[in-house]
């Protein structure tokens, strides 16, 4: 199962053309962005653009290396205890 992206930040892009749309019109949590444009004027040329940064996922290729390192350290620790 793939986990949803986690948002690190959401900011209002300066190319937004909706009159009255400010950062107070949106909020975000871990994996959701809520936008409120109620009572704001718009037409088919209106642009609302948000810049979204996501939390980077861990480097999957590094995980097996960490597992091998942990195994080596545990074996050395066990060998040290046996002395």
N, C-alpha and C. Protein backbone atom coordinates (compact mmCIF):
# COMPACT_ATOMS: atom_id res chain seq x y z
N UNK A 1 0.84 -1.18 0.00
CA UNK A 1 0.00 0.00 0.00
C UNK A 1 0.89 1.24 0.00
N UNK A 2 0.60 2.18 -0.85
CA UNK A 2 1.36 3.42 -0.95
C UNK A 2 0.71 4.46 -0.04
N UNK A 3 1.54 5.10 0.78
CA UNK A 3 0.99 6.12 1.66
C UNK A 3 0.80 7.42 0.89
N UNK A 4 -0.19 8.24 1.30
CA UNK A 4 -0.41 9.51 0.61
C UNK A 4 0.76 10.46 0.86
N UNK A 5 0.92 11.40 -0.04
CA UNK A 5 1.95 12.40 0.13
C UNK A 5 1.66 13.25 1.36
N UNK A 6 2.70 13.67 2.03
CA UNK A 6 2.55 14.58 3.16
C UNK A 6 3.02 15.96 2.71
N UNK A 7 2.17 16.96 2.89
CA UNK A 7 2.51 18.31 2.48
C UNK A 7 3.40 18.99 3.52
N UNK A 8 4.51 19.56 3.06
CA UNK A 8 5.39 20.32 3.95
C UNK A 8 4.96 21.77 4.00
N UNK A 9 4.51 22.30 2.85
CA UNK A 9 4.04 23.68 2.81
C UNK A 9 3.12 23.89 1.62
N UNK A 10 2.24 24.86 1.74
CA UNK A 10 1.35 25.27 0.65
C UNK A 10 1.34 26.79 0.67
N UNK A 11 1.69 27.41 -0.45
CA UNK A 11 1.71 28.87 -0.54
C UNK A 11 0.93 29.33 -1.76
N UNK A 12 0.49 30.56 -1.72
CA UNK A 12 -0.26 31.16 -2.82
C UNK A 12 0.72 31.64 -3.89
N UNK A 13 0.55 31.12 -5.10
CA UNK A 13 1.40 31.54 -6.21
C UNK A 13 1.00 32.95 -6.65
N UNK A 14 1.98 33.80 -6.96
CA UNK A 14 1.66 35.17 -7.35
C UNK A 14 0.90 35.29 -8.68
N UNK A 15 0.82 34.23 -9.47
CA UNK A 15 0.06 34.29 -10.72
C UNK A 15 -1.45 34.11 -10.51
N UNK A 16 -1.87 33.90 -9.26
CA UNK A 16 -3.30 33.78 -8.96
C UNK A 16 -4.02 35.08 -9.32
N UNK A 17 -5.13 34.95 -10.05
CA UNK A 17 -5.86 36.14 -10.50
C UNK A 17 -7.22 36.32 -9.84
N UNK A 18 -7.60 35.44 -8.92
CA UNK A 18 -8.90 35.56 -8.28
C UNK A 18 -8.88 36.73 -7.29
N UNK A 19 -9.70 37.75 -7.55
CA UNK A 19 -9.76 38.93 -6.68
C UNK A 19 -10.19 38.53 -5.28
N UNK A 20 -9.42 38.97 -4.28
CA UNK A 20 -9.77 38.69 -2.90
C UNK A 20 -9.27 37.37 -2.36
N UNK A 21 -8.67 36.52 -3.21
CA UNK A 21 -8.17 35.22 -2.75
C UNK A 21 -6.81 35.44 -2.09
N UNK A 22 -6.71 35.09 -0.81
CA UNK A 22 -5.49 35.28 -0.03
C UNK A 22 -5.13 33.97 0.67
N UNK A 23 -3.98 33.91 1.31
CA UNK A 23 -3.64 32.70 2.06
C UNK A 23 -4.67 32.31 3.13
N UNK A 24 -5.47 33.27 3.57
CA UNK A 24 -6.50 32.92 4.57
C UNK A 24 -7.63 32.10 3.94
N UNK A 25 -7.65 31.97 2.61
CA UNK A 25 -8.68 31.19 1.93
C UNK A 25 -8.32 29.72 1.76
N UNK A 26 -7.16 29.33 2.23
CA UNK A 26 -6.80 27.90 2.15
C UNK A 26 -6.01 27.49 3.39
N UNK A 27 -6.07 26.20 3.66
CA UNK A 27 -5.30 25.62 4.75
C UNK A 27 -4.92 24.21 4.34
N UNK A 28 -3.97 23.64 5.05
CA UNK A 28 -3.57 22.27 4.72
C UNK A 28 -3.21 21.51 5.97
N UNK A 29 -3.40 20.21 5.87
CA UNK A 29 -2.95 19.27 6.90
C UNK A 29 -2.04 18.28 6.20
N UNK A 30 -1.64 17.26 6.87
CA UNK A 30 -0.71 16.29 6.31
C UNK A 30 -0.93 15.90 4.86
N UNK A 31 -2.14 15.51 4.49
CA UNK A 31 -2.38 15.03 3.13
C UNK A 31 -3.59 15.68 2.47
N UNK A 32 -4.08 16.80 3.01
CA UNK A 32 -5.25 17.45 2.44
C UNK A 32 -5.03 18.96 2.34
N UNK A 33 -5.60 19.54 1.27
CA UNK A 33 -5.63 20.99 1.12
C UNK A 33 -7.09 21.40 1.05
N UNK A 34 -7.48 22.34 1.90
CA UNK A 34 -8.85 22.85 1.90
C UNK A 34 -8.83 24.26 1.32
N UNK A 35 -9.72 24.52 0.33
CA UNK A 35 -9.80 25.82 -0.32
C UNK A 35 -11.21 26.37 -0.15
N UNK A 36 -11.30 27.63 0.26
CA UNK A 36 -12.60 28.30 0.41
C UNK A 36 -12.63 29.52 -0.50
N UNK A 37 -13.39 29.42 -1.59
CA UNK A 37 -13.54 30.58 -2.47
C UNK A 37 -14.98 31.05 -2.51
N UNK A 38 -15.70 30.70 -1.46
CA UNK A 38 -17.09 31.13 -1.35
C UNK A 38 -17.17 32.66 -1.35
N UNK A 39 -18.10 33.19 -2.12
CA UNK A 39 -18.36 34.62 -2.26
C UNK A 39 -17.25 35.40 -2.97
N UNK A 40 -16.30 34.71 -3.61
CA UNK A 40 -15.26 35.39 -4.37
C UNK A 40 -15.62 35.33 -5.86
N UNK A 41 -15.40 36.42 -6.58
CA UNK A 41 -15.78 36.45 -8.00
C UNK A 41 -14.80 35.67 -8.86
N UNK A 42 -15.35 34.96 -9.86
CA UNK A 42 -14.49 34.26 -10.81
C UNK A 42 -15.24 34.05 -12.11
N UNK A 43 -14.46 33.82 -13.17
CA UNK A 43 -15.02 33.45 -14.47
C UNK A 43 -14.08 32.41 -15.08
N UNK A 44 -14.27 32.09 -16.34
CA UNK A 44 -13.48 31.01 -16.94
C UNK A 44 -12.01 31.37 -17.14
N UNK A 45 -11.64 32.63 -16.96
CA UNK A 45 -10.23 33.02 -17.08
C UNK A 45 -9.53 33.14 -15.73
N UNK A 46 -10.26 32.96 -14.64
CA UNK A 46 -9.70 33.10 -13.30
C UNK A 46 -8.73 31.95 -13.02
N UNK A 47 -7.61 32.30 -12.40
CA UNK A 47 -6.60 31.30 -12.04
C UNK A 47 -6.40 31.33 -10.53
N UNK A 48 -6.47 30.16 -9.92
CA UNK A 48 -6.06 29.99 -8.52
C UNK A 48 -4.95 28.95 -8.56
N UNK A 49 -3.76 29.37 -8.17
CA UNK A 49 -2.61 28.47 -8.24
C UNK A 49 -1.93 28.43 -6.88
N UNK A 50 -1.74 27.22 -6.36
CA UNK A 50 -1.06 27.02 -5.09
C UNK A 50 0.24 26.28 -5.35
N UNK A 51 1.30 26.71 -4.70
CA UNK A 51 2.58 26.03 -4.77
C UNK A 51 2.66 25.07 -3.59
N UNK A 52 2.89 23.80 -3.89
CA UNK A 52 2.86 22.75 -2.88
C UNK A 52 4.23 22.09 -2.79
N UNK A 53 4.74 21.98 -1.58
CA UNK A 53 5.98 21.24 -1.33
C UNK A 53 5.61 20.01 -0.49
N UNK A 54 6.12 18.86 -0.89
CA UNK A 54 5.82 17.64 -0.16
C UNK A 54 7.02 17.22 0.68
N UNK A 55 6.76 16.48 1.72
CA UNK A 55 7.82 15.92 2.54
C UNK A 55 8.49 14.82 1.73
N UNK A 56 9.82 14.88 1.55
CA UNK A 56 10.48 13.86 0.74
C UNK A 56 10.36 12.48 1.37
N UNK A 57 10.18 11.49 0.52
CA UNK A 57 10.12 10.11 1.00
C UNK A 57 11.54 9.63 1.28
N UNK A 58 11.69 8.67 2.19
CA UNK A 58 13.03 8.16 2.47
C UNK A 58 13.59 7.46 1.23
N UNK A 59 14.91 7.47 1.13
CA UNK A 59 15.58 6.81 0.01
C UNK A 59 15.46 5.29 0.18
N UNK A 60 14.63 4.68 -0.64
CA UNK A 60 14.35 3.24 -0.53
C UNK A 60 15.61 2.41 -0.72
N UNK A 61 16.52 2.89 -1.57
CA UNK A 61 17.75 2.13 -1.83
C UNK A 61 18.65 2.07 -0.60
N UNK A 62 18.54 3.05 0.30
CA UNK A 62 19.39 3.07 1.48
C UNK A 62 18.89 2.15 2.58
N UNK A 63 17.64 1.78 2.56
CA UNK A 63 17.06 0.96 3.64
C UNK A 63 17.73 -0.41 3.76
N UNK A 64 17.96 -1.16 2.66
CA UNK A 64 18.65 -2.45 2.82
C UNK A 64 20.05 -2.28 3.41
N UNK A 65 20.77 -1.22 3.04
CA UNK A 65 22.10 -0.98 3.59
C UNK A 65 22.03 -0.76 5.09
N UNK A 66 21.03 -0.02 5.53
CA UNK A 66 20.86 0.21 6.97
C UNK A 66 20.54 -1.09 7.69
N UNK A 67 19.76 -1.95 7.07
CA UNK A 67 19.41 -3.23 7.68
C UNK A 67 20.65 -4.11 7.83
N UNK A 68 21.50 -4.13 6.81
CA UNK A 68 22.74 -4.92 6.87
C UNK A 68 23.64 -4.36 7.96
N UNK A 69 23.78 -3.03 8.02
CA UNK A 69 24.61 -2.41 9.05
C UNK A 69 24.09 -2.74 10.44
N UNK A 70 22.79 -2.69 10.64
CA UNK A 70 22.21 -3.01 11.94
C UNK A 70 22.49 -4.46 12.30
N UNK A 71 22.39 -5.36 11.32
CA UNK A 71 22.68 -6.77 11.57
C UNK A 71 24.13 -6.99 11.98
N UNK A 72 25.05 -6.33 11.31
CA UNK A 72 26.48 -6.45 11.65
C UNK A 72 26.73 -5.94 13.06
N UNK A 73 26.15 -4.80 13.39
CA UNK A 73 26.36 -4.25 14.73
C UNK A 73 25.78 -5.15 15.81
N UNK A 74 24.61 -5.73 15.54
CA UNK A 74 24.02 -6.64 16.53
C UNK A 74 24.87 -7.89 16.71
N UNK A 75 25.42 -8.42 15.62
CA UNK A 75 26.30 -9.60 15.73
C UNK A 75 27.55 -9.27 16.52
N UNK A 76 28.15 -8.10 16.27
CA UNK A 76 29.35 -7.70 17.01
C UNK A 76 29.03 -7.53 18.49
N UNK A 77 27.86 -6.97 18.78
CA UNK A 77 27.45 -6.77 20.16
C UNK A 77 27.26 -8.12 20.86
N UNK A 78 26.64 -9.06 20.16
CA UNK A 78 26.43 -10.40 20.72
C UNK A 78 27.76 -11.11 20.93
N UNK A 79 28.70 -10.97 19.99
CA UNK A 79 30.01 -11.60 20.14
C UNK A 79 30.77 -11.00 21.31
N UNK A 80 30.65 -9.71 21.53
CA UNK A 80 31.32 -9.03 22.64
C UNK A 80 30.78 -9.52 23.97
N UNK A 81 29.45 -9.77 24.05
CA UNK A 81 28.83 -10.23 25.30
C UNK A 81 29.31 -11.65 25.65
N UNK A 82 29.62 -12.45 24.64
CA UNK A 82 30.02 -13.84 24.88
C UNK A 82 31.44 -13.96 25.43
N UNK A 83 32.20 -12.91 25.39
CA UNK A 83 33.60 -12.98 25.87
C UNK A 83 33.70 -13.05 27.34
